[in-house]
Protein backbone atom coordinates (compact mmCIF):
# COMPACT_ATOMS: atom_id res chain seq x y z
CA MET A 1 0.00 0.00 0.00
CA SER A 2 1.34 3.44 -0.89
CA GLU A 3 0.70 6.45 1.36
CA THR A 4 -2.16 8.86 0.74
CA LEU A 5 -0.74 11.85 -1.07
CA VAL A 6 -2.21 15.30 -1.67
CA LEU A 7 -0.76 17.47 -4.45
CA ARG A 8 -2.17 20.79 -3.28
CA GLY A 9 -2.96 23.97 -5.16
CA GLY A 10 -1.26 23.42 -8.50
CA THR A 11 -2.62 24.10 -11.97
CA VAL A 12 -3.95 20.68 -12.94
CA PHE A 13 -4.13 19.49 -16.56
CA ASP A 14 -6.24 16.41 -17.33
CA GLY A 15 -4.13 15.32 -20.33
CA LEU A 16 -7.08 15.52 -22.71
CA GLY A 17 -6.33 19.05 -23.89
CA SER A 18 -8.53 20.92 -21.41
CA PRO A 19 -7.21 24.18 -19.92
CA GLY A 20 -5.53 23.94 -16.53
CA LEU A 21 -7.61 24.25 -13.36
CA GLN A 22 -6.30 25.17 -9.91
CA ALA A 23 -7.12 22.12 -7.81
CA ASP A 24 -5.88 19.45 -5.42
CA VAL A 25 -5.03 15.92 -6.60
CA VAL A 26 -5.60 13.14 -4.04
CA VAL A 27 -3.77 9.85 -4.57
CA ALA A 28 -4.26 6.65 -2.55
CA ASP A 29 -3.46 2.98 -3.14
CA GLY A 30 -1.86 3.74 -6.50
CA VAL A 31 -4.98 5.41 -7.90
CA VAL A 32 -6.09 9.03 -8.40
CA ARG A 33 -8.99 9.40 -5.95
CA ALA A 34 -10.02 13.02 -6.50
CA VAL A 35 -9.19 16.06 -8.63
CA ALA A 36 -11.00 19.18 -7.46
CA PRO A 37 -10.46 22.51 -5.70
CA GLY A 38 -10.02 21.84 -1.98
CA ALA A 39 -10.28 18.05 -2.39
CA GLY A 40 -7.29 17.49 -0.13
CA ALA A 41 -8.68 19.42 2.83
CA ALA A 42 -10.47 16.39 4.29
CA GLU A 43 -7.44 14.09 4.06
CA THR A 44 -6.02 13.74 7.56
CA GLY A 45 -2.62 12.09 7.92
CA ALA A 46 -1.84 12.40 4.21
CA ARG A 47 1.49 13.59 2.89
CA VAL A 48 0.89 17.04 1.39
CA LEU A 49 3.04 18.53 -1.37
CA ASP A 50 2.53 22.24 -2.02
CA CYS A 51 2.22 22.67 -5.80
CA THR A 52 1.39 26.38 -5.83
CA GLY A 53 2.65 27.94 -9.06
CA LEU A 54 3.43 24.52 -10.56
CA HIS A 55 1.77 22.45 -13.30
CA VAL A 56 0.38 19.07 -12.25
CA THR A 57 -0.10 16.69 -15.19
CA PRO A 58 -0.44 13.02 -16.02
CA GLY A 59 2.94 11.30 -16.12
CA PHE A 60 4.36 11.68 -19.61
CA VAL A 61 4.13 8.67 -21.96
CA ASP A 62 7.08 8.28 -24.34
CA ALA A 63 5.82 6.82 -27.63
CA HIS A 64 9.22 5.85 -28.96
CA SER A 65 11.86 4.39 -26.69
CA HIS A 66 14.86 2.11 -27.07
CA SER A 67 15.10 1.41 -23.33
CA ASP A 68 14.35 -2.31 -23.82
CA MET A 69 17.38 -3.60 -21.91
CA VAL A 70 17.82 -0.66 -19.49
CA PRO A 71 16.09 -2.48 -16.58
CA LEU A 72 18.80 -5.15 -16.80
CA MET A 73 21.52 -2.60 -15.97
CA ASP A 74 22.98 -2.96 -12.46
CA ASP A 75 21.71 0.34 -11.07
CA PRO A 76 18.31 2.03 -11.39
CA GLN A 77 18.24 4.49 -14.30
CA PRO A 78 16.10 7.57 -13.61
CA PHE A 79 16.92 9.46 -16.83
CA LYS A 80 13.27 9.29 -17.95
CA LEU A 81 11.70 9.99 -14.56
CA LEU A 82 13.80 13.15 -14.30
CA GLN A 83 12.04 14.33 -17.49
CA GLY A 84 8.59 13.57 -16.05
CA VAL A 85 8.21 10.38 -18.12
CA THR A 86 6.45 7.59 -16.23
CA THR A 87 5.81 5.16 -19.12
CA GLU A 88 7.86 4.23 -22.19
CA VAL A 89 6.86 2.20 -25.24
CA ALA A 90 9.97 0.18 -26.17
CA GLY A 91 10.76 -2.33 -28.93
CA ASN A 92 10.63 0.31 -31.67
CA CYS A 93 12.11 0.44 -35.20
CA GLY A 94 11.91 -3.35 -35.50
CA PHE A 95 14.45 -3.78 -32.68
CA SER A 96 13.21 -5.95 -29.83
CA PHE A 97 15.23 -8.37 -27.71
CA ALA A 98 12.79 -11.26 -27.96
CA PRO A 99 11.85 -13.75 -29.24
CA LEU A 100 15.37 -15.12 -29.82
CA ASP A 101 17.02 -18.47 -30.34
CA GLU A 102 20.77 -19.09 -29.93
CA ALA A 103 21.58 -18.08 -33.53
CA SER A 104 19.44 -14.92 -33.64
CA ALA A 105 20.66 -13.85 -30.18
CA ALA A 106 24.23 -13.91 -31.51
CA VAL A 107 23.24 -11.74 -34.52
CA VAL A 108 21.40 -9.29 -32.26
CA ARG A 109 24.45 -8.98 -29.99
CA GLU A 110 26.59 -8.16 -33.02
CA LEU A 111 24.23 -5.78 -34.83
CA TYR A 112 22.32 -4.04 -32.01
CA GLY A 113 25.38 -3.47 -29.82
CA GLU A 114 24.85 -0.38 -27.72
CA LEU A 115 21.05 -0.49 -28.12
CA GLY A 116 21.22 -3.53 -25.84
CA CYS A 117 23.25 -1.69 -23.18
CA ASP A 118 26.15 -4.02 -24.07
CA ILE A 119 24.28 -6.79 -22.23
CA ALA A 120 24.02 -10.12 -24.04
CA PRO A 121 20.31 -10.74 -24.72
CA PRO A 122 19.32 -14.24 -23.59
CA PRO A 123 17.59 -16.64 -26.00
CA GLY A 124 13.96 -17.13 -25.08
CA SER A 125 10.35 -16.29 -25.81
CA PHE A 126 8.76 -12.86 -25.58
CA ALA A 127 7.06 -13.97 -22.35
CA ASP A 128 10.45 -15.00 -20.94
CA PHE A 129 11.86 -11.57 -21.75
CA LEU A 130 9.00 -9.68 -20.08
CA ASP A 131 9.37 -11.88 -16.99
CA LEU A 132 13.12 -11.15 -16.92
CA VAL A 133 12.54 -7.38 -17.08
CA GLU A 134 9.92 -7.63 -14.34
CA ARG A 135 12.28 -9.57 -12.05
CA HIS A 136 14.99 -6.91 -12.43
CA GLY A 137 12.51 -4.11 -11.70
CA PRO A 138 12.13 -1.23 -14.15
CA THR A 139 12.73 2.30 -12.86
CA ASN A 140 9.64 3.50 -14.77
CA HIS A 141 6.83 1.63 -16.49
CA LEU A 142 7.62 -0.11 -19.79
CA ALA A 143 5.29 -1.44 -22.48
CA TYR A 144 6.90 -3.47 -25.25
CA LEU A 145 6.40 -3.89 -28.98
CA VAL A 146 7.71 -7.02 -30.71
CA GLY A 147 10.19 -6.08 -33.43
CA HIS A 148 9.97 -7.30 -37.01
CA HIS A 149 13.79 -7.56 -37.26
CA THR A 150 13.78 -9.98 -34.34
CA LEU A 151 10.89 -12.03 -35.70
CA ARG A 152 12.65 -12.27 -39.05
CA LEU A 153 16.09 -13.14 -37.64
CA THR A 154 14.62 -15.89 -35.50
CA ALA A 155 12.39 -17.31 -38.24
CA ASN A 156 14.70 -16.76 -41.21
CA GLY A 157 18.28 -15.96 -40.17
CA ALA A 158 20.16 -12.89 -41.41
CA GLY A 159 19.67 -13.56 -45.14
CA ASP A 160 17.67 -11.24 -47.33
CA GLU A 161 15.69 -13.98 -49.12
CA LEU A 162 12.83 -15.63 -47.24
CA ARG A 163 13.09 -19.36 -46.53
CA PRO A 164 10.03 -21.56 -47.09
CA GLY A 165 7.72 -21.28 -44.10
CA ALA A 166 9.46 -18.22 -42.63
CA VAL A 167 6.41 -15.93 -42.83
CA GLU A 168 4.25 -18.54 -41.10
CA GLN A 169 6.88 -18.86 -38.36
CA MET A 170 6.99 -15.06 -37.93
CA ARG A 171 3.22 -15.03 -37.58
CA ARG A 172 3.37 -17.74 -34.90
CA LEU A 173 6.09 -15.92 -32.98
CA ALA A 174 4.15 -12.64 -33.24
CA ALA A 175 1.00 -14.32 -31.88
CA GLU A 176 3.01 -15.68 -28.94
CA ALA A 177 4.33 -12.18 -28.25
CA PHE A 178 0.83 -10.69 -28.32
CA GLU A 179 -0.39 -13.46 -26.00
CA ALA A 180 2.46 -12.52 -23.63
CA GLY A 181 1.43 -8.86 -23.62
CA ALA A 182 3.21 -7.09 -26.49
CA VAL A 183 1.25 -3.88 -27.20
CA GLY A 184 1.97 -4.09 -30.93
CA PHE A 185 4.70 -4.75 -33.46
CA SER A 186 7.26 -2.45 -35.01
CA THR A 187 9.29 -2.23 -38.19
CA GLY A 188 12.52 -0.47 -39.11
CA LEU A 189 12.43 -0.57 -42.88
CA ILE A 190 15.77 1.16 -43.48
CA TYR A 191 17.69 -1.34 -41.32
CA PRO A 192 18.68 -4.94 -41.97
CA PRO A 193 16.99 -7.34 -42.06
CA GLY A 194 13.68 -5.41 -42.15
CA CYS A 195 14.77 -3.53 -45.26
CA PHE A 196 14.62 -6.81 -47.20
CA ALA A 197 10.92 -7.38 -46.44
CA ASP A 198 8.25 -6.62 -48.99
CA GLN A 199 4.83 -5.21 -48.19
CA ALA A 200 3.13 -8.62 -48.28
CA GLU A 201 5.41 -9.90 -45.50
CA LEU A 202 4.50 -6.94 -43.30
CA GLU A 203 0.80 -7.32 -44.05
CA ALA A 204 0.94 -10.97 -42.96
CA ILE A 205 2.19 -9.93 -39.51
CA ALA A 206 -0.21 -6.98 -39.33
CA GLN A 207 -3.12 -9.39 -39.77
CA VAL A 208 -2.02 -11.21 -36.61
CA ALA A 209 -1.69 -7.90 -34.76
CA GLY A 210 -5.19 -6.99 -35.94
CA ALA A 211 -6.62 -10.20 -34.52
CA TYR A 212 -5.28 -9.12 -31.12
CA GLY A 213 -6.30 -5.46 -31.47
CA ARG A 214 -2.70 -4.25 -31.31
CA THR A 215 -0.82 -1.32 -32.90
CA TYR A 216 1.63 -1.14 -35.81
CA ALA A 217 4.52 1.30 -35.21
CA THR A 218 6.85 1.92 -38.13
CA HIS A 219 10.17 3.54 -38.86
CA MET A 220 9.18 3.88 -42.49
CA ARG A 221 11.14 2.86 -45.58
CA ASP A 222 11.92 6.50 -46.32
CA GLU A 223 11.64 9.69 -44.28
CA GLY A 224 13.02 12.04 -46.92
CA ARG A 225 12.47 12.53 -50.63
CA PHE A 226 10.07 9.59 -50.90
CA VAL A 227 8.25 10.06 -47.60
CA GLU A 228 4.83 10.12 -49.31
CA ASP A 229 5.38 6.66 -50.83
CA ALA A 230 6.58 5.37 -47.47
CA ILE A 231 3.43 6.61 -45.71
CA ASP A 232 1.29 5.01 -48.41
CA GLU A 233 2.98 1.66 -47.71
CA ALA A 234 2.53 2.06 -43.94
CA VAL A 235 -1.15 2.87 -44.38
CA ALA A 236 -1.66 -0.10 -46.69
CA VAL A 237 -0.08 -2.44 -44.12
CA ALA A 238 -2.28 -1.03 -41.34
CA LYS A 239 -5.37 -1.31 -43.51
CA ALA A 240 -4.59 -4.93 -44.41
CA GLY A 241 -4.31 -5.79 -40.72
CA GLY A 242 -7.10 -3.60 -39.41
CA VAL A 243 -4.69 -2.08 -36.90
CA ARG A 244 -3.91 1.34 -35.46
CA LEU A 245 -0.90 2.94 -37.16
CA GLN A 246 1.84 4.86 -35.35
CA ILE A 247 4.29 6.61 -37.68
CA SER A 248 7.52 6.86 -35.73
CA HIS A 249 9.58 10.04 -35.39
CA CYS A 250 7.74 12.05 -38.05
CA LYS A 251 10.17 14.18 -40.01
CA ALA A 252 11.22 15.47 -43.42
CA ALA A 253 14.81 14.24 -43.44
CA GLY A 254 17.51 15.49 -45.77
CA ARG A 255 17.90 18.63 -47.84
CA ALA A 256 15.85 17.24 -50.73
CA ALA A 257 12.88 16.73 -48.38
CA HIS A 258 12.88 20.05 -46.59
CA GLY A 259 9.40 21.55 -46.83
CA LYS A 260 7.66 18.16 -46.93
CA GLY A 261 6.35 18.42 -43.37
CA THR A 262 2.98 19.56 -44.71
CA ALA A 263 2.82 16.69 -47.24
CA LEU A 264 3.51 14.18 -44.46
CA LEU A 265 0.64 15.55 -42.38
CA GLU A 266 -1.71 15.59 -45.36
CA ARG A 267 -1.01 11.89 -45.94
CA ILE A 268 -1.77 11.08 -42.27
CA GLN A 269 -5.01 13.08 -42.47
CA ALA A 270 -6.02 11.31 -45.67
CA ALA A 271 -5.38 7.92 -44.05
CA ARG A 272 -7.67 8.82 -41.16
CA LEU A 273 -10.41 9.93 -43.57
CA ALA A 274 -10.00 6.56 -45.31
CA GLY A 275 -10.64 4.73 -42.04
CA VAL A 276 -7.13 4.00 -40.74
CA ASP A 277 -6.47 5.18 -37.16
CA ALA A 278 -3.13 6.79 -38.07
CA MET A 279 -1.11 8.99 -35.73
CA GLY A 280 2.55 9.87 -35.34
CA ASP A 281 5.22 10.91 -32.88
CA GLN A 282 8.09 13.38 -33.05
CA TYR A 283 11.15 14.52 -31.09
CA PRO A 284 11.87 18.29 -30.92
CA TYR A 285 15.33 18.38 -32.52
CA LEU A 286 16.89 19.00 -35.95
CA ALA A 287 19.21 15.99 -35.67
CA GLY A 288 18.36 12.32 -35.44
CA GLY A 289 20.34 9.50 -33.92
CA THR A 290 20.81 6.05 -35.41
CA VAL A 291 23.34 3.39 -36.35
CA LEU A 292 26.19 4.46 -38.63
CA LEU A 293 25.22 1.57 -40.91
CA ALA A 294 21.99 3.44 -41.81
CA LEU A 295 24.04 5.79 -44.02
CA LEU A 296 24.94 2.89 -46.33
CA PRO A 297 22.75 1.17 -48.95
CA ASN A 298 20.78 -1.82 -47.68
CA ARG A 299 22.76 -4.29 -49.76
CA ALA A 300 25.88 -3.56 -47.69
CA ALA A 301 24.33 -5.47 -44.79
CA GLU A 302 23.24 -8.63 -46.62
CA GLY A 303 24.23 -11.79 -44.79
CA GLY A 304 25.06 -10.22 -41.44
CA ALA A 305 27.95 -8.30 -39.89
CA ALA A 306 30.85 -10.62 -40.82
CA ALA A 307 29.87 -10.77 -44.50
CA MET A 308 29.36 -7.00 -44.55
CA THR A 309 32.75 -6.30 -42.98
CA ALA A 310 34.48 -8.50 -45.55
CA ARG A 311 32.76 -6.76 -48.47
CA LEU A 312 33.46 -3.26 -47.14
CA ALA A 313 37.19 -4.06 -47.07
CA ASP A 314 37.16 -4.52 -50.87
CA PRO A 315 37.89 -1.22 -52.71
CA ALA A 316 36.19 -2.49 -55.88
CA TYR A 317 32.97 -3.22 -53.95
CA ARG A 318 33.02 0.28 -52.50
CA VAL A 319 32.95 1.87 -55.97
CA GLY A 320 29.46 0.54 -56.74
CA LEU A 321 28.30 1.07 -53.18
CA ARG A 322 29.35 4.71 -53.33
CA ALA A 323 27.41 5.22 -56.56
CA ASP A 324 24.27 3.82 -54.95
CA ALA A 325 24.75 5.86 -51.76
CA GLU A 326 25.17 9.11 -53.70
CA ARG A 327 22.13 8.34 -55.86
CA GLY A 328 19.88 8.39 -52.77
CA GLU A 329 16.99 6.28 -54.07
CA PRO A 330 14.89 4.13 -51.67
CA GLY A 331 17.15 1.48 -50.18
CA ASP A 332 20.29 3.53 -50.83
CA GLY A 333 20.73 4.65 -47.21
CA MET A 334 20.91 8.17 -45.77
CA TRP A 335 24.32 9.29 -47.09
CA ALA A 336 22.78 11.47 -49.82
CA ASN A 337 20.57 13.21 -47.23
CA THR A 338 23.39 14.70 -45.18
CA THR A 339 27.09 15.67 -45.27
CA ALA A 340 30.13 14.19 -43.56
CA ALA A 341 30.34 17.34 -41.42
CA GLN A 342 26.80 16.75 -40.09
CA VAL A 343 27.48 13.22 -38.83
CA ILE A 344 28.86 12.90 -35.26
CA VAL A 345 30.04 9.47 -34.11
CA THR A 346 28.50 8.85 -30.68
CA GLY A 347 29.35 5.20 -30.12
CA HIS A 348 32.24 3.10 -31.47
CA ARG A 349 34.69 0.39 -30.38
CA ASP A 350 37.47 2.90 -31.03
CA ALA A 351 36.89 5.49 -28.30
CA THR A 352 39.17 7.99 -30.08
CA VAL A 353 36.58 8.56 -32.83
CA VAL A 354 33.65 9.23 -30.47
CA GLY A 355 32.48 12.84 -30.47
CA ARG A 356 34.07 13.61 -33.86
CA THR A 357 32.36 14.18 -37.19
CA VAL A 358 33.00 11.90 -40.15
CA ALA A 359 34.51 14.94 -41.91
CA ASP A 360 36.99 15.44 -39.04
CA LEU A 361 37.94 11.78 -39.09
CA ALA A 362 38.35 11.80 -42.87
CA ALA A 363 40.76 14.72 -42.65
CA ARG A 364 42.68 13.01 -39.88
CA ARG A 365 42.92 9.72 -41.81
CA GLY A 366 43.64 11.31 -45.17
CA THR A 367 40.62 9.74 -46.88
CA ASP A 368 37.32 11.12 -48.13
CA GLY A 369 34.03 11.01 -46.24
CA PHE A 370 32.57 7.91 -47.86
CA ASP A 371 35.68 5.78 -47.47
CA THR A 372 35.91 6.91 -43.85
CA LEU A 373 32.27 5.89 -43.37
CA CYS A 374 32.98 2.41 -44.79
CA ASP A 375 36.09 2.07 -42.61
CA LEU A 376 34.19 3.05 -39.48
CA VAL A 377 31.33 0.61 -40.16
CA GLY A 378 33.84 -2.16 -40.92
CA GLU A 379 35.63 -1.49 -37.64
CA ASP A 380 32.35 -1.54 -35.65
CA PRO A 381 29.10 -2.59 -37.40
CA ALA A 382 27.07 -1.43 -34.37
CA ALA A 383 28.55 2.10 -34.27
CA MET A 384 26.09 4.90 -33.43
CA ILE A 385 25.74 8.47 -34.75
CA VAL A 386 23.88 11.75 -34.40
CA VAL A 387 23.08 13.19 -37.82
CA GLU A 388 21.57 16.59 -38.63
CA MET A 389 18.91 16.28 -41.34
CA MET A 390 15.81 18.34 -40.49
CA ALA A 391 14.76 21.97 -41.04
CA GLU A 392 13.20 24.03 -38.24
CA PRO A 393 10.07 25.04 -40.24
CA ASP A 394 9.24 21.34 -40.79
CA VAL A 395 9.80 20.53 -37.12
CA ARG A 396 7.37 23.31 -36.14
CA THR A 397 4.79 22.38 -38.78
CA ILE A 398 4.74 18.74 -37.67
CA MET A 399 4.72 19.70 -33.98
CA ALA A 400 1.67 21.91 -34.43
CA SER A 401 -0.41 19.00 -35.74
CA PRO A 402 -2.91 17.53 -33.26
CA LEU A 403 -2.21 14.11 -34.81
CA VAL A 404 1.44 13.91 -33.74
CA GLY A 405 2.50 13.11 -30.19
CA ILE A 406 5.90 13.01 -28.55
CA GLY A 407 8.47 10.22 -28.63
CA SER A 408 12.09 10.69 -27.61
CA ASP A 409 13.71 7.89 -29.68
CA ASN A 410 16.24 7.65 -26.84
CA GLY A 411 19.19 5.34 -26.65
CA PRO A 412 20.34 3.75 -23.38
CA PRO A 413 21.82 6.11 -20.77
CA MET A 414 25.46 5.28 -21.45
CA GLY A 415 28.21 6.80 -23.54
CA LEU A 416 27.59 9.84 -25.76
CA GLN A 417 23.87 9.84 -26.59
CA HIS A 418 21.61 12.23 -28.46
CA PRO A 419 20.35 14.85 -25.94
CA ARG A 420 16.78 13.63 -26.52
CA THR A 421 17.73 10.69 -24.26
CA TYR A 422 18.01 13.06 -21.29
CA GLY A 423 15.87 16.06 -22.16
CA CYS A 424 13.24 15.51 -24.88
CA PHE A 425 10.14 16.36 -22.83
CA PRO A 426 11.54 19.32 -20.85
CA ARG A 427 12.92 20.74 -24.12
CA LEU A 428 9.48 20.51 -25.71
CA LEU A 429 7.91 22.40 -22.80
CA GLY A 430 10.64 24.96 -22.27
CA THR A 431 11.65 25.76 -25.84
CA TYR A 432 8.55 25.16 -27.93
CA VAL A 433 5.81 26.07 -25.42
CA ARG A 434 7.13 28.69 -23.01
CA GLU A 435 9.69 30.41 -25.26
CA GLN A 436 8.38 30.00 -28.80
CA ASN A 437 4.61 29.46 -28.34
CA VAL A 438 4.42 26.76 -30.99
CA LEU A 439 2.02 24.90 -28.68
CA THR A 440 -0.14 25.79 -25.70
CA TRP A 441 0.59 24.08 -22.39
CA GLU A 442 -2.58 22.01 -22.56
CA GLU A 443 -1.92 20.83 -26.12
CA ALA A 444 1.72 19.94 -25.44
CA ILE A 445 0.63 17.96 -22.38
CA ARG A 446 -2.05 16.12 -24.38
CA LYS A 447 0.54 15.19 -27.02
CA ALA A 448 2.85 13.87 -24.28
CA THR A 449 0.17 11.89 -22.44
CA SER A 450 -3.29 10.76 -23.55
CA LEU A 451 -2.60 10.86 -27.30
CA ILE A 452 0.14 8.24 -26.90
CA ALA A 453 -1.52 6.17 -24.17
CA ARG A 454 -4.63 5.80 -26.32
CA GLN A 455 -2.71 4.80 -29.42
CA PHE A 456 -1.00 1.91 -27.61
CA GLY A 457 -4.02 0.82 -25.57
CA LEU A 458 -2.57 1.86 -22.20
CA ALA A 459 -5.86 2.11 -20.33
CA GLY A 460 -6.00 4.41 -17.32
CA ARG A 461 -2.74 6.16 -18.20
CA GLY A 462 -2.06 9.52 -19.81
CA VAL A 463 -4.97 11.15 -18.00
CA LEU A 464 -5.32 12.83 -14.61
CA LEU A 465 -8.88 11.92 -13.66
CA PRO A 466 -10.43 10.02 -10.73
CA GLY A 467 -9.84 6.29 -11.20
CA ALA A 468 -6.71 6.68 -13.33
CA HIS A 469 -3.40 5.10 -12.37
CA ALA A 470 -1.51 7.49 -10.10
CA ASP A 471 1.34 8.41 -12.45
CA VAL A 472 1.76 12.17 -12.05
CA THR A 473 4.33 14.80 -13.06
CA VAL A 474 4.75 18.18 -11.39
CA TYR A 475 6.93 20.82 -13.04
CA ASP A 476 7.67 24.53 -12.81
CA PRO A 477 6.49 26.19 -16.06
CA GLU A 478 8.96 29.06 -15.55
CA ARG A 479 12.00 26.76 -15.27
CA VAL A 480 11.31 23.57 -17.18
CA GLY A 481 13.86 22.90 -19.91
CA HIS A 482 17.03 21.08 -20.87
CA ALA A 483 20.47 22.57 -21.49
CA GLY A 484 22.01 19.44 -23.02
CA SER A 485 23.73 19.59 -26.41
CA TYR A 486 24.87 17.06 -29.02
CA THR A 487 28.37 17.03 -27.52
CA ASP A 488 27.28 17.38 -23.86
CA PRO A 489 23.90 15.63 -23.65
CA ASP A 490 23.92 14.11 -20.14
CA VAL A 491 22.57 17.16 -18.33
CA THR A 492 19.82 16.85 -15.71
CA PRO A 493 16.68 18.70 -16.86
CA ASP A 494 15.48 21.80 -15.02
CA GLY A 495 12.10 22.35 -13.44
CA VAL A 496 10.72 18.81 -12.98
CA GLU A 497 9.99 18.90 -9.25
CA THR A 498 7.96 15.79 -8.43
CA VAL A 499 7.11 12.54 -10.18
CA VAL A 500 4.64 10.03 -8.75
CA LEU A 501 4.73 6.47 -10.10
CA GLY A 502 1.95 4.12 -9.12
CA GLY A 503 1.24 6.34 -6.12
CA ARG A 504 4.88 6.44 -4.94
CA VAL A 505 6.98 9.60 -5.01
CA VAL A 506 10.02 8.67 -7.10
CA VAL A 507 11.28 12.18 -7.91
CA ASP A 508 11.19 14.49 -4.92
CA GLY A 509 12.45 18.09 -5.06
CA GLY A 510 13.94 17.38 -8.48
CA GLY A 511 15.98 14.40 -7.27
CA PHE A 512 15.51 10.64 -7.76
CA THR A 513 14.57 8.75 -4.59
CA GLY A 514 16.36 5.58 -5.69
CA GLU A 515 13.28 3.35 -5.85
CA ARG A 516 12.61 0.97 -8.75
CA ALA A 517 8.82 1.34 -8.72
CA GLY A 518 8.11 0.67 -12.40
CA ARG A 519 6.13 -2.20 -13.90
CA VAL A 520 6.01 -4.08 -17.17
CA LEU A 521 2.68 -3.09 -18.75
CA ARG A 522 1.22 -6.05 -20.63
CA ALA A 523 -1.59 -5.64 -23.12
């Protein structure tokens, strides 16, 4: 039993987009009992927190997380709680850490690297993985998607061609994951092996998700010049399965796509008018973060990391690969959408290259940018980067849409990460609400709470109403923000004063209490 708690006198937002109301919030036994002016006055013996001048909101729900393996780290990791995030949806971009057999677990270790917190993922079912996370004790709540990459690696190996019966095996494994509590499935269609899948393969899995009433979240096949075609494919997959569609990290990436933010939103609106429950999420930055391998054409990764490394060492192979990369057609990677000076290496086996741009490293090595890229991938196939690709007008246009919520796309809290890992939600509130007025407080809060909870079927979360789960965030609207940068990201956010998780105070006076009070949320 958690103590009775009264959050007194703050401006309370319900998470549904209503204006704030000065009121008390009463929490008992892990549930919100009352939200009303003076509601806490009758509570004798309760712990009272004075919230005068502060905003009291539902705990933020992060639509797009890569925190899958974070609960398995030795110490509790409060990097999301310190942002006001109480629930994360993990397993995105096709990357999940179950279901695995011995062979696919070895491939995942090699290719996912840092995404797995450098912890070897154990072979086992999706149910086994959720049980493992629960035993370790998450620091905040986690809901999990099952990743298409993982389904494909386990059913088919690392090859690009499908074996007989592989789709049927993926469907069986997906059904087992949904039975275990996966809230949906995800794809990452620019990464191997998902990039080798055709639409029919994705539709076959979507049909299983539809039978369970789950959501399809996709890192689409293109987020730049061909973003309209990529949305059309995503919508077709969702329609074939009868599932909700979540378009991950909505953006117009690369110089050739700048200005396409409006076109992206028009496609999402058209999908909704055609009967597909399509929404999206976004992080409030101009740079993305991904694996270095994503800059190369898909064919570089055929057959797994060892085969790729051998091919990349061949100068003759690089000639054709460079031509494809510079062409920038679908499947040709992201190299044509950026420049070597806009790519910062954030994770690599060679620590001396971390924090440097590919252009810097090329100058130091006496090679050009593309050859340096190939060398770096060959030296560490799981290397990570931050890459600047977006334009501010597109970020604002997408942010202003009521159909796009917030997802950080964080990496694990280790090494040099994108600052979104540590400050996505405070940055949204401080920079884009308080300073730039792109959104109102109530709309930003809705996009960070109920919009996402609804899309992933997280009942009783993302709202601050009587009967809801007692996940609550309290922040100072005058101070909330994040000062982290791409080269110094690990900065504690400002202004997040209190976070309540399942009725327990886990952030108190801006500091983490040390308690692992999170749960695995099963559909």
